[in-house]
Amino acid sequence: MRRAQSTKQLRLVFSFGVAVGSMGTLLALYEEDNLRRSPPDGSPSLPPQDTSSTLPPHEATRFGYPSTCNVKVRDGYVLGYNRRLRNAAWVAEYITPDSLKKADDVNRVKASFKADMSTPDLFRVSPADYLNSGYDRGHLAPARDMSSSQESVNASFLMTNISPQVGKGFNRGYWSRFEGFVRHLATHYGGVYVVTGPLFLPARTPQGDSYEVQYPVVGSPPTAIAVPTHFFKVVLVQKPSTHSNAYLAAGFVLPNQAIPDHTNLTTFVRPIEYIEGVSGLLFFDQLRYADTSRRVSIGQLCNDLSCALPAAVEYKTAIASKNSSNKEASK
């Protein structure tokens, strides 16, 4: 039952829309075993997607589409994988207070990094590829977001959900605290839609008269793993209200480098349109780009709630206190 409910939530993420380049490319590969599960309301399950049924036939593609991105549906998240960069292009989650509740049998120690066997061997990343690279295997959809299920935690350790991240001061510092802030949104508003992904942003040349994109790689061509220059998160919440700004959203872009703890989170706030421009993605397009009759107003999240990491610290403290109380009560 929990699996089916999770699948329904993931389909809700798509109902808000995440578009990546050509939709024909995105719909090329879904994992059939996940999509065939029936939702709890008894409505028909989603069939496996086939480009022959979603795109007009053309002789040029008789023997297949040279797809570079495919969609993978997991229990706790959905992602679009970029095979060339060997990074996810985006990872979408719907986090709720229930999904954050830690089940008794869930333990992160039971999970381990694993290659995603649904990815063709040529593009498949192994945990060993990161050894001695100087980078952490950084989660895009954090394991902590999926505490209600061991299966979901295990799926978060698949290498398609992993990107090379600077460890000290980022993956094991500011970024981790930022993930806690997003979980705080889930408890504060009752749920949060979040899309996370890597960015490869241009910087000015030494001459200062043009821009160029430079980034290191882990390994060597043709199987090298691209190291992102930045990471983004775009979040959407629904505010219980009858006012026009029933939805609130915010976008953040953080550099893949050590960030001092005292840095204000608002330093990294960016317009969602900017993140769309540099990522090639559309976020929540069925809300933001619907025709005039269906379009809804989306307010600024940081005008409704303090976008500051202390909120995440308070959240972690509250959880620790609650867990301590539960242990005392069980004695």
C-alpha atoms as a PDB file:
ATOM      1  CA  MET A   1       0.000   0.000   0.000  1.00  0.00           C
ATOM      2  CA  ARG A   2       2.868   2.364   0.838  1.00  0.00           C
ATOM      3  CA  ARG A   3       4.406   1.737  -2.561  1.00  0.00           C
ATOM      4  CA  ALA A   4       1.231   2.597  -4.419  1.00  0.00           C
ATOM      5  CA  GLN A   5       0.711   5.728  -2.366  1.00  0.00           C
ATOM      6  CA  SER A   6       4.286   6.807  -3.054  1.00  0.00           C
ATOM      7  CA  THR A   7       3.785   6.302  -6.785  1.00  0.00           C
ATOM      8  CA  LYS A   8       0.673   8.471  -6.654  1.00  0.00           C
ATOM      9  CA  GLN A   9       2.653  11.246  -4.960  1.00  0.00           C
ATOM     10  CA  LEU A  10       5.368  11.041  -7.595  1.00  0.00           C
ATOM     11  CA  ARG A  11       2.784  11.370 -10.333  1.00  0.00           C
ATOM     12  CA  LEU A  12       1.607  14.527  -8.589  1.00  0.00           C
ATOM     13  CA  VAL A  13       5.073  15.960  -9.045  1.00  0.00           C
ATOM     14  CA  PHE A  14       4.742  15.441 -12.767  1.00  0.00           C
ATOM     15  CA  SER A  15       1.303  17.022 -12.740  1.00  0.00           C
ATOM     16  CA  PHE A  16       3.040  20.245 -11.776  1.00  0.00           C
ATOM     17  CA  GLY A  17       5.372  19.710 -14.685  1.00  0.00           C
ATOM     18  CA  VAL A  18       9.067  19.245 -15.159  1.00  0.00           C
ATOM     19  CA  ALA A  19      10.115  19.599 -18.781  1.00  0.00           C
ATOM     20  CA  VAL A  20      13.610  18.737 -19.922  1.00  0.00           C
ATOM     21  CA  GLY A  21      14.451  19.716 -23.494  1.00  0.00           C
ATOM     22  CA  SER A  22      12.463  17.643 -25.937  1.00  0.00           C
ATOM     23  CA  MET A  23       9.548  15.899 -24.289  1.00  0.00           C
ATOM     24  CA  GLY A  24       9.989  13.035 -26.710  1.00  0.00           C
ATOM     25  CA  THR A  25      13.434  12.465 -25.275  1.00  0.00           C
ATOM     26  CA  LEU A  26      12.183  12.555 -21.701  1.00  0.00           C
ATOM     27  CA  LEU A  27       9.419  10.065 -22.274  1.00  0.00           C
ATOM     28  CA  ALA A  28      11.710   7.582 -23.963  1.00  0.00           C
ATOM     29  CA  LEU A  29      12.335   5.258 -21.037  1.00  0.00           C
ATOM     30  CA  TYR A  30      10.208   4.745 -17.930  1.00  0.00           C
ATOM     31  CA  GLU A  31      10.776   1.827 -15.616  1.00  0.00           C
ATOM     32  CA  GLU A  32       7.888  -0.492 -16.324  1.00  0.00           C
ATOM     33  CA  ASP A  33       7.776  -2.216 -12.957  1.00  0.00           C
ATOM     34  CA  ASN A  34       7.125   1.050 -11.113  1.00  0.00           C
ATOM     35  CA  LEU A  35       4.673   2.514 -13.596  1.00  0.00           C
ATOM     36  CA  ARG A  36       2.474  -0.564 -13.700  1.00  0.00           C
ATOM     37  CA  ARG A  37       1.571  -0.333 -10.028  1.00  0.00           C
ATOM     38  CA  SER A  38      -2.073   0.553  -9.479  1.00  0.00           C
ATOM     39  CA  PRO A  39      -2.800   3.598  -7.328  1.00  0.00           C
ATOM     40  CA  PRO A  40      -4.895   3.059  -4.180  1.00  0.00           C
ATOM     41  CA  ASP A  41      -7.995   4.711  -5.653  1.00  0.00           C
ATOM     42  CA  GLY A  42      -8.327   1.912  -8.183  1.00  0.00           C
ATOM     43  CA  SER A  43      -7.787   4.139 -11.223  1.00  0.00           C
ATOM     44  CA  PRO A  44      -5.901   2.570 -14.149  1.00  0.00           C
ATOM     45  CA  SER A  45      -2.147   2.267 -13.756  1.00  0.00           C
ATOM     46  CA  LEU A  46       0.131   4.162 -16.111  1.00  0.00           C
ATOM     47  CA  PRO A  47       1.341   2.088 -19.069  1.00  0.00           C
ATOM     48  CA  PRO A  48       5.021   2.055 -19.987  1.00  0.00           C
ATOM     49  CA  GLN A  49       5.828   5.026 -22.185  1.00  0.00           C
ATOM     50  CA  ASP A  50       6.710   4.338 -25.810  1.00  0.00           C
ATOM     51  CA  THR A  51       7.997   7.081 -28.083  1.00  0.00           C
ATOM     52  CA  SER A  52       6.213   5.475 -31.022  1.00  0.00           C
ATOM     53  CA  SER A  53       2.889   6.368 -29.399  1.00  0.00           C
ATOM     54  CA  THR A  54       3.859   9.829 -28.142  1.00  0.00           C
ATOM     55  CA  LEU A  55       5.588  11.178 -31.249  1.00  0.00           C
ATOM     56  CA  PRO A  56       4.566  11.206 -34.912  1.00  0.00           C
ATOM     57  CA  PRO A  57       6.204   8.372 -36.894  1.00  0.00           C
ATOM     58  CA  HIS A  58       9.201   9.287 -39.027  1.00  0.00           C
ATOM     59  CA  GLU A  59      11.397   7.099 -41.205  1.00  0.00           C
ATOM     60  CA  ALA A  60      14.526   8.702 -39.719  1.00  0.00           C
ATOM     61  CA  THR A  61      13.761   7.138 -36.346  1.00  0.00           C
ATOM     62  CA  ARG A  62      12.697   3.701 -37.583  1.00  0.00           C
ATOM     63  CA  PHE A  63      15.483   2.075 -35.551  1.00  0.00           C
ATOM     64  CA  GLY A  64      15.217   4.204 -32.435  1.00  0.00           C
ATOM     65  CA  TYR A  65      15.797   7.651 -30.975  1.00  0.00           C
ATOM     66  CA  PRO A  66      19.357   8.586 -29.918  1.00  0.00           C
ATOM     67  CA  SER A  67      18.076   9.662 -26.515  1.00  0.00           C
ATOM     68  CA  THR A  68      20.428  11.378 -24.094  1.00  0.00           C
ATOM     69  CA  CYS A  69      18.104  11.606 -21.092  1.00  0.00           C
ATOM     70  CA  ASN A  70      15.706   9.104 -19.622  1.00  0.00           C
ATOM     71  CA  VAL A  71      13.238   9.164 -16.764  1.00  0.00           C
ATOM     72  CA  LYS A  72      13.490   6.799 -13.804  1.00  0.00           C
ATOM     73  CA  VAL A  73      10.686   6.431 -11.267  1.00  0.00           C
ATOM     74  CA  ARG A  74      11.673   5.327  -7.773  1.00  0.00           C
ATOM     75  CA  ASP A  75       9.666   4.938  -4.576  1.00  0.00           C
ATOM     76  CA  GLY A  76      10.864   8.238  -3.118  1.00  0.00           C
ATOM     77  CA  TYR A  77      11.765  10.312  -6.162  1.00  0.00           C
ATOM     78  CA  VAL A  78      11.746  10.677  -9.942  1.00  0.00           C
ATOM     79  CA  LEU A  79      14.776  11.671 -12.003  1.00  0.00           C
ATOM     80  CA  GLY A  80      15.861  12.446 -15.531  1.00  0.00           C
ATOM     81  CA  TYR A  81      19.362  11.109 -16.219  1.00  0.00           C
ATOM     82  CA  ASN A  82      21.879  12.798 -18.520  1.00  0.00           C
ATOM     83  CA  ARG A  83      24.039  10.006 -19.883  1.00  0.00           C
ATOM     84  CA  ARG A  84      26.680  12.278 -21.412  1.00  0.00           C
ATOM     85  CA  LEU A  85      27.423  14.077 -18.149  1.00  0.00           C
ATOM     86  CA  ARG A  86      26.738  10.967 -16.037  1.00  0.00           C
ATOM     87  CA  ASN A  87      24.696  13.129 -13.684  1.00  0.00           C
ATOM     88  CA  ALA A  88      20.968  13.404 -13.201  1.00  0.00           C
ATOM     89  CA  ALA A  89      19.606  16.398 -15.116  1.00  0.00           C
ATOM     90  CA  TRP A  90      16.967  16.776 -12.388  1.00  0.00           C
ATOM     91  CA  VAL A  91      15.542  14.879  -9.431  1.00  0.00           C
ATOM     92  CA  ALA A  92      11.972  15.567  -8.286  1.00  0.00           C
ATOM     93  CA  GLU A  93      10.548  14.799  -4.840  1.00  0.00           C
ATOM     94  CA  TYR A  94       7.343  15.355  -2.921  1.00  0.00           C
ATOM     95  CA  ILE A  95       8.231  15.481   0.780  1.00  0.00           C
ATOM     96  CA  THR A  96       5.587  15.328   3.505  1.00  0.00           C
ATOM     97  CA  PRO A  97       5.641  14.972   7.297  1.00  0.00           C
ATOM     98  CA  ASP A  98       4.646  11.322   6.810  1.00  0.00           C
ATOM     99  CA  SER A  99       7.545  10.594   4.455  1.00  0.00           C
ATOM    100  CA  LEU A 100       9.904  12.086   7.033  1.00  0.00           C
ATOM    101  CA  LYS A 101       8.664   9.875   9.869  1.00  0.00           C
ATOM    102  CA  LYS A 102      11.316   7.287  10.578  1.00  0.00           C
ATOM    103  CA  ALA A 103       9.996   3.746  10.527  1.00  0.00           C
ATOM    104  CA  ASP A 104      11.359   1.387  13.176  1.00  0.00           C
ATOM    105  CA  ASP A 105      13.058  -0.887  10.647  1.00  0.00           C
ATOM    106  CA  VAL A 106      14.708   1.897   8.632  1.00  0.00           C
ATOM    107  CA  ASN A 107      18.439   2.354   9.053  1.00  0.00           C
ATOM    108  CA  ARG A 108      20.732   4.241   6.699  1.00  0.00           C
ATOM    109  CA  VAL A 109      23.560   1.884   7.680  1.00  0.00           C
ATOM    110  CA  LYS A 110      21.742  -0.917   5.824  1.00  0.00           C
ATOM    111  CA  ALA A 111      22.044   1.027   2.550  1.00  0.00           C
ATOM    112  CA  SER A 112      25.101   1.251   0.325  1.00  0.00           C
ATOM    113  CA  PHE A 113      26.017   2.972  -2.916  1.00  0.00           C
ATOM    114  CA  LYS A 114      25.174   0.825  -5.927  1.00  0.00           C
ATOM    115  CA  ALA A 115      25.383   1.129  -9.689  1.00  0.00           C
ATOM    116  CA  ASP A 116      22.012   1.659 -11.364  1.00  0.00           C
ATOM    117  CA  MET A 117      21.638  -1.471 -13.465  1.00  0.00           C
ATOM    118  CA  SER A 118      18.803   0.101 -15.467  1.00  0.00           C
ATOM    119  CA  THR A 119      21.395   2.389 -17.088  1.00  0.00           C
ATOM    120  CA  PRO A 120      23.236   1.023 -20.156  1.00  0.00           C
ATOM    121  CA  ASP A 121      26.705  -0.225 -19.246  1.00  0.00           C
ATOM    122  CA  LEU A 122      28.462   2.447 -21.327  1.00  0.00           C
ATOM    123  CA  PHE A 123      26.903   5.211 -19.196  1.00  0.00           C
ATOM    124  CA  ARG A 124      26.739   3.374 -15.869  1.00  0.00           C
ATOM    125  CA  VAL A 125      28.588   4.883 -12.905  1.00  0.00           C
ATOM    126  CA  SER A 126      30.082   2.624 -10.254  1.00  0.00           C
ATOM    127  CA  PRO A 127      30.662   3.673  -6.630  1.00  0.00           C
ATOM    128  CA  ALA A 128      34.328   2.778  -7.134  1.00  0.00           C
ATOM    129  CA  ASP A 129      34.622   5.457  -9.831  1.00  0.00           C
ATOM    130  CA  TYR A 130      34.724   8.072  -7.064  1.00  0.00           C
ATOM    131  CA  LEU A 131      37.617   6.498  -5.147  1.00  0.00           C
ATOM    132  CA  ASN A 132      40.522   8.939  -4.671  1.00  0.00           C
ATOM    133  CA  SER A 133      38.672  11.542  -6.747  1.00  0.00           C
ATOM    134  CA  GLY A 134      38.613  14.166  -4.009  1.00  0.00           C
ATOM    135  CA  TYR A 135      34.817  14.450  -4.291  1.00  0.00           C
ATOM    136  CA  ASP A 136      31.981  13.113  -2.170  1.00  0.00           C
ATOM    137  CA  ARG A 137      29.237  10.954  -3.630  1.00  0.00           C
ATOM    138  CA  GLY A 138      26.560  13.568  -3.019  1.00  0.00           C
ATOM    139  CA  HIS A 139      22.856  12.712  -2.927  1.00  0.00           C
ATOM    140  CA  LEU A 140      20.509  14.861  -5.007  1.00  0.00           C
ATOM    141  CA  ALA A 141      17.427  13.346  -3.343  1.00  0.00           C
ATOM    142  CA  PRO A 142      18.676  12.924   0.248  1.00  0.00           C
ATOM    143  CA  ALA A 143      18.196   9.609   2.026  1.00  0.00           C
ATOM    144  CA  ARG A 144      16.888  11.546   5.041  1.00  0.00           C
ATOM    145  CA  ASP A 145      13.863  12.644   2.985  1.00  0.00           C
ATOM    146  CA  MET A 146      12.706   9.010   2.746  1.00  0.00           C
ATOM    147  CA  SER A 147      12.893   7.814   6.338  1.00  0.00           C
ATOM    148  CA  SER A 148       9.541   6.011   6.172  1.00  0.00           C
ATOM    149  CA  SER A 149      10.833   3.157   3.993  1.00  0.00           C
ATOM    150  CA  GLN A 150      14.077   1.170   3.837  1.00  0.00           C
ATOM    151  CA  GLU A 151      13.434   0.461   0.160  1.00  0.00           C
ATOM    152  CA  SER A 152      13.263   4.193  -0.566  1.00  0.00           C
ATOM    153  CA  VAL A 153      16.448   4.833   1.415  1.00  0.00           C
ATOM    154  CA  ASN A 154      18.200   2.086  -0.550  1.00  0.00           C
ATOM    155  CA  ALA A 155      17.029   3.603  -3.847  1.00  0.00           C
ATOM    156  CA  SER A 156      18.492   6.966  -2.866  1.00  0.00           C
ATOM    157  CA  PHE A 157      21.952   5.331  -2.932  1.00  0.00           C
ATOM    158  CA  LEU A 158      21.714   4.378  -6.617  1.00  0.00           C
ATOM    159  CA  MET A 159      24.485   6.185  -8.477  1.00  0.00           C
ATOM    160  CA  THR A 160      22.050   7.895 -10.861  1.00  0.00           C
ATOM    161  CA  ASN A 161      20.958   9.946  -7.816  1.00  0.00           C
ATOM    162  CA  ILE A 162      24.558  10.908  -7.051  1.00  0.00           C
ATOM    163  CA  SER A 163      26.713  13.826  -8.227  1.00  0.00           C
ATOM    164  CA  PRO A 164      30.331  14.735  -7.416  1.00  0.00           C
ATOM    165  CA  GLN A 165      30.221  17.266  -4.585  1.00  0.00           C
ATOM    166  CA  VAL A 166      32.886  19.055  -2.600  1.00  0.00           C
ATOM    167  CA  GLY A 167      32.857  17.341   0.782  1.00  0.00           C
ATOM    168  CA  LYS A 168      34.018  19.551   3.631  1.00  0.00           C
ATOM    169  CA  GLY A 169      31.991  22.741   3.854  1.00  0.00           C
ATOM    170  CA  PHE A 170      29.455  21.701   1.218  1.00  0.00           C
ATOM    171  CA  ASN A 171      28.084  18.143   1.096  1.00  0.00           C
ATOM    172  CA  ARG A 172      29.058  17.651   4.737  1.00  0.00           C
ATOM    173  CA  GLY A 173      28.252  21.230   5.651  1.00  0.00           C
ATOM    174  CA  TYR A 174      26.164  23.985   4.083  1.00  0.00           C
ATOM    175  CA  TRP A 175      24.370  21.796   1.519  1.00  0.00           C
ATOM    176  CA  SER A 176      23.357  19.318   4.217  1.00  0.00           C
ATOM    177  CA  ARG A 177      21.914  22.146   6.309  1.00  0.00           C
ATOM    178  CA  PHE A 178      20.099  23.444   3.229  1.00  0.00           C
ATOM    179  CA  GLU A 179      18.488  20.024   2.764  1.00  0.00           C
ATOM    180  CA  GLY A 180      17.296  20.328   6.354  1.00  0.00           C
ATOM    181  CA  PHE A 181      15.707  23.677   5.516  1.00  0.00           C
ATOM    182  CA  VAL A 182      13.723  22.008   2.709  1.00  0.00           C
ATOM    183  CA  ARG A 183      12.498  19.354   5.140  1.00  0.00           C
ATOM    184  CA  HIS A 184      11.458  22.173   7.451  1.00  0.00           C
ATOM    185  CA  LEU A 185       9.249  23.475   4.616  1.00  0.00           C
ATOM    186  CA  ALA A 186       7.539  20.077   4.446  1.00  0.00           C
ATOM    187  CA  THR A 187       6.660  20.187   8.139  1.00  0.00           C
ATOM    188  CA  HIS A 188       5.690  23.870   8.085  1.00  0.00           C
ATOM    189  CA  TYR A 189       3.390  23.735   5.040  1.00  0.00           C
ATOM    190  CA  GLY A 190       2.378  20.073   5.141  1.00  0.00           C
ATOM    191  CA  GLY A 191       4.315  19.187   1.996  1.00  0.00           C
ATOM    192  CA  VAL A 192       6.876  20.524  -0.449  1.00  0.00           C
ATOM    193  CA  TYR A 193       7.611  19.819  -4.098  1.00  0.00           C
ATOM    194  CA  VAL A 194      11.330  20.089  -4.765  1.00  0.00           C
ATOM    195  CA  VAL A 195      13.441  19.701  -7.895  1.00  0.00           C
ATOM    196  CA  THR A 196      17.212  19.417  -7.494  1.00  0.00           C
ATOM    197  CA  GLY A 197      19.955  19.199 -10.081  1.00  0.00           C
ATOM    198  CA  PRO A 198      23.464  20.065 -11.211  1.00  0.00           C
ATOM    199  CA  LEU A 199      24.460  23.128 -13.198  1.00  0.00           C
ATOM    200  CA  PHE A 200      27.466  23.857 -15.399  1.00  0.00           C
ATOM    201  CA  LEU A 201      27.583  27.631 -15.418  1.00  0.00           C
ATOM    202  CA  PRO A 202      29.832  29.845 -17.539  1.00  0.00           C
ATOM    203  CA  ALA A 203      32.305  32.240 -15.967  1.00  0.00           C
ATOM    204  CA  ARG A 204      34.142  35.220 -17.395  1.00  0.00           C
ATOM    205  CA  THR A 205      37.415  34.504 -19.148  1.00  0.00           C
ATOM    206  CA  PRO A 206      40.623  35.981 -17.688  1.00  0.00           C
ATOM    207  CA  GLN A 207      40.386  38.719 -20.307  1.00  0.00           C
ATOM    208  CA  GLY A 208      36.904  39.549 -19.068  1.00  0.00           C
ATOM    209  CA  ASP A 209      35.475  40.037 -22.542  1.00  0.00           C
ATOM    210  CA  SER A 210      33.590  36.751 -22.873  1.00  0.00           C
ATOM    211  CA  TYR A 211      32.316  33.714 -20.985  1.00  0.00           C
ATOM    212  CA  GLU A 212      33.324  30.080 -21.021  1.00  0.00           C
ATOM    213  CA  VAL A 213      32.276  26.882 -19.269  1.00  0.00           C
ATOM    214  CA  GLN A 214      34.969  24.916 -17.484  1.00  0.00           C
ATOM    215  CA  TYR A 215      34.542  22.006 -15.109  1.00  0.00           C
ATOM    216  CA  PRO A 216      36.702  19.097 -13.937  1.00  0.00           C
ATOM    217  CA  VAL A 217      35.767  15.471 -14.459  1.00  0.00           C
ATOM    218  CA  VAL A 218      36.121  12.320 -12.403  1.00  0.00           C
ATOM    219  CA  GLY A 219      37.837   9.607 -14.423  1.00  0.00           C
ATOM    220  CA  SER A 220      38.818   9.854 -18.061  1.00  0.00           C
ATOM    221  CA  PRO A 221      36.975  10.005 -21.405  1.00  0.00           C
ATOM    222  CA  PRO A 222      34.843   8.512 -22.730  1.00  0.00           C
ATOM    223  CA  THR A 223      33.374   7.510 -19.372  1.00  0.00           C
ATOM    224  CA  ALA A 224      34.306  10.581 -17.310  1.00  0.00           C
ATOM    225  CA  ILE A 225      31.826  11.951 -14.764  1.00  0.00           C
ATOM    226  CA  ALA A 226      31.292  15.715 -15.042  1.00  0.00           C
ATOM    227  CA  VAL A 227      31.751  17.717 -11.833  1.00  0.00           C
ATOM    228  CA  PRO A 228      29.027  20.404 -11.602  1.00  0.00           C
ATOM    229  CA  THR A 229      30.044  23.992 -10.963  1.00  0.00           C
ATOM    230  CA  HIS A 230      26.786  24.617  -9.076  1.00  0.00           C
ATOM    231  CA  PHE A 231      23.638  22.898  -7.819  1.00  0.00           C
ATOM    232  CA  PHE A 232      20.069  24.198  -7.838  1.00  0.00           C
ATOM    233  CA  LYS A 233      16.911  23.545  -5.888  1.00  0.00           C
ATOM    234  CA  VAL A 234      13.473  24.843  -6.849  1.00  0.00           C
ATOM    235  CA  VAL A 235      10.760  24.431  -4.225  1.00  0.00           C
ATOM    236  CA  LEU A 236       6.979  24.833  -4.329  1.00  0.00           C
ATOM    237  CA  VAL A 237       4.541  24.752  -1.413  1.00  0.00           C
ATOM    238  CA  GLN A 238       0.802  25.247  -1.154  1.00  0.00           C
ATOM    239  CA  LYS A 239      -0.277  27.648   1.540  1.00  0.00           C
ATOM    240  CA  PRO A 240      -3.618  26.836   3.209  1.00  0.00           C
ATOM    241  CA  SER A 241      -5.371  30.027   2.178  1.00  0.00           C
ATOM    242  CA  THR A 242      -8.164  31.417   0.047  1.00  0.00           C
ATOM    243  CA  HIS A 243      -5.973  34.307  -1.049  1.00  0.00           C
ATOM    244  CA  SER A 244      -4.540  34.590  -4.552  1.00  0.00           C
ATOM    245  CA  ASN A 245      -1.029  33.519  -3.511  1.00  0.00           C
ATOM    246  CA  ALA A 246      -2.068  30.013  -2.500  1.00  0.00           C
ATOM    247  CA  TYR A 247       1.207  28.700  -3.931  1.00  0.00           C
ATOM    248  CA  LEU A 248       4.658  29.878  -2.926  1.00  0.00           C
ATOM    249  CA  ALA A 249       7.927  29.096  -4.678  1.00  0.00           C
ATOM    250  CA  ALA A 250      11.630  29.872  -4.547  1.00  0.00           C
ATOM    251  CA  GLY A 251      14.762  28.979  -6.479  1.00  0.00           C
ATOM    252  CA  PHE A 252      18.289  28.599  -5.140  1.00  0.00           C
ATOM    253  CA  VAL A 253      21.676  28.194  -6.848  1.00  0.00           C
ATOM    254  CA  LEU A 254      24.670  27.192  -4.718  1.00  0.00           C
ATOM    255  CA  PRO A 255      28.291  26.878  -5.896  1.00  0.00           C
ATOM    256  CA  ASN A 256      29.899  23.458  -5.574  1.00  0.00           C
ATOM    257  CA  GLN A 257      32.478  24.642  -3.072  1.00  0.00           C
ATOM    258  CA  ALA A 258      32.947  25.064   0.653  1.00  0.00           C
ATOM    259  CA  ILE A 259      30.512  27.712   1.935  1.00  0.00           C
ATOM    260  CA  PRO A 260      31.041  29.419   5.310  1.00  0.00           C
ATOM    261  CA  ASP A 261      28.391  28.415   7.853  1.00  0.00           C
ATOM    262  CA  HIS A 262      27.353  32.004   8.531  1.00  0.00           C
ATOM    263  CA  THR A 263      26.485  32.724   4.869  1.00  0.00           C
ATOM    264  CA  ASN A 264      22.883  33.914   4.536  1.00  0.00           C
ATOM    265  CA  LEU A 265      20.742  31.539   2.479  1.00  0.00           C
ATOM    266  CA  THR A 266      19.149  34.480   0.661  1.00  0.00           C
ATOM    267  CA  THR A 267      22.566  35.024  -0.959  1.00  0.00           C
ATOM    268  CA  PHE A 268      21.714  32.082  -3.193  1.00  0.00           C
ATOM    269  CA  VAL A 269      18.117  32.959  -4.089  1.00  0.00           C
ATOM    270  CA  ARG A 270      17.631  33.264  -7.855  1.00  0.00           C
ATOM    271  CA  PRO A 271      14.534  33.850 -10.009  1.00  0.00           C
ATOM    272  CA  ILE A 272      13.074  30.570 -11.186  1.00  0.00           C
ATOM    273  CA  GLU A 273      13.209  31.923 -14.742  1.00  0.00           C
ATOM    274  CA  TYR A 274      16.981  32.305 -14.382  1.00  0.00           C
ATOM    275  CA  ILE A 275      17.375  28.686 -13.283  1.00  0.00           C
ATOM    276  CA  GLU A 276      15.177  27.576 -16.180  1.00  0.00           C
ATOM    277  CA  GLY A 277      17.384  29.521 -18.581  1.00  0.00           C
ATOM    278  CA  VAL A 278      20.679  28.040 -17.407  1.00  0.00           C
ATOM    279  CA  SER A 279      19.381  24.497 -16.866  1.00  0.00           C
ATOM    280  CA  GLY A 280      17.147  24.063 -19.905  1.00  0.00           C
ATOM    281  CA  LEU A 281      14.334  22.861 -17.641  1.00  0.00           C
ATOM    282  CA  LEU A 282      10.814  24.127 -16.951  1.00  0.00           C
ATOM    283  CA  PHE A 283       9.561  23.921 -13.384  1.00  0.00           C
ATOM    284  CA  PHE A 284       5.925  23.397 -12.382  1.00  0.00           C
ATOM    285  CA  ASP A 285       4.896  24.478 -15.882  1.00  0.00           C
ATOM    286  CA  GLN A 286       1.287  23.335 -15.484  1.00  0.00           C
ATOM    287  CA  LEU A 287       0.944  26.061 -12.868  1.00  0.00           C
ATOM    288  CA  ARG A 288       3.303  28.716 -14.170  1.00  0.00           C
ATOM    289  CA  TYR A 289       2.755  28.387 -17.921  1.00  0.00           C
ATOM    290  CA  ALA A 290      -0.878  27.315 -18.101  1.00  0.00           C
ATOM    291  CA  ASP A 291      -3.262  29.277 -20.296  1.00  0.00           C
ATOM    292  CA  THR A 292      -4.739  32.399 -18.743  1.00  0.00           C
ATOM    293  CA  SER A 293      -7.924  30.703 -17.561  1.00  0.00           C
ATOM    294  CA  ARG A 294      -5.998  28.069 -15.555  1.00  0.00           C
ATOM    295  CA  ARG A 295      -2.916  30.015 -14.502  1.00  0.00           C
ATOM    296  CA  VAL A 296      -2.506  30.584 -10.777  1.00  0.00           C
ATOM    297  CA  SER A 297      -0.599  33.227  -8.905  1.00  0.00           C
ATOM    298  CA  ILE A 298       2.586  32.014  -7.232  1.00  0.00           C
ATOM    299  CA  GLY A 299       3.985  34.130  -4.428  1.00  0.00           C
ATOM    300  CA  GLN A 300       7.550  34.496  -3.176  1.00  0.00           C
ATOM    301  CA  LEU A 301       8.289  31.874  -0.539  1.00  0.00           C
ATOM    302  CA  CYS A 302      10.907  34.002   1.207  1.00  0.00           C
ATOM    303  CA  ASN A 303       8.312  36.751   1.758  1.00  0.00           C
ATOM    304  CA  ASP A 304       6.135  34.323   3.712  1.00  0.00           C
ATOM    305  CA  LEU A 305       8.799  32.453   5.667  1.00  0.00           C
ATOM    306  CA  SER A 306      12.339  33.337   6.662  1.00  0.00           C
ATOM    307  CA  CYS A 307      14.668  31.679   4.158  1.00  0.00           C
ATOM    308  CA  ALA A 308      17.412  31.119   6.682  1.00  0.00           C
ATOM    309  CA  LEU A 309      19.298  28.028   7.728  1.00  0.00           C
ATOM    310  CA  PRO A 310      18.647  28.530  11.465  1.00  0.00           C
ATOM    311  CA  ALA A 311      15.155  27.228  10.657  1.00  0.00           C
ATOM    312  CA  ALA A 312      16.796  23.951   9.646  1.00  0.00           C
ATOM    313  CA  VAL A 313      18.871  23.891  12.818  1.00  0.00           C
ATOM    314  CA  GLU A 314      15.745  24.397  14.923  1.00  0.00           C
ATOM    315  CA  TYR A 315      14.039  21.611  12.978  1.00  0.00           C
ATOM    316  CA  LYS A 316      16.884  19.181  13.661  1.00  0.00           C
ATOM    317  CA  THR A 317      16.886  20.148  17.336  1.00  0.00           C
ATOM    318  CA  ALA A 318      13.131  19.546  17.555  1.00  0.00           C
ATOM    319  CA  ILE A 319      13.466  16.134  15.887  1.00  0.00           C
ATOM    320  CA  ALA A 320      16.309  15.151  18.226  1.00  0.00           C
ATOM    321  CA  SER A 321      14.229  16.240  21.220  1.00  0.00           C
ATOM    322  CA  LYS A 322      11.215  14.296  19.968  1.00  0.00           C
ATOM    323  CA  ASN A 323      13.288  11.150  19.382  1.00  0.00           C
ATOM    324  CA  SER A 324      14.743  11.464  22.874  1.00  0.00           C
ATOM    325  CA  SER A 325      11.251  11.784  24.366  1.00  0.00           C
ATOM    326  CA  ASN A 326      10.066   8.736  22.438  1.00  0.00           C
ATOM    327  CA  LYS A 327      12.984   6.683  23.767  1.00  0.00           C
ATOM    328  CA  GLU A 328      12.216   7.719  27.334  1.00  0.00           C
ATOM    329  CA  ALA A 329       8.542   6.845  26.881  1.00  0.00           C
ATOM    330  CA  SER A 330       9.404   3.396  25.539  1.00  0.00           C
ATOM    331  CA  LYS A 331      11.533   2.462  28.558  1.00  0.00           C
END
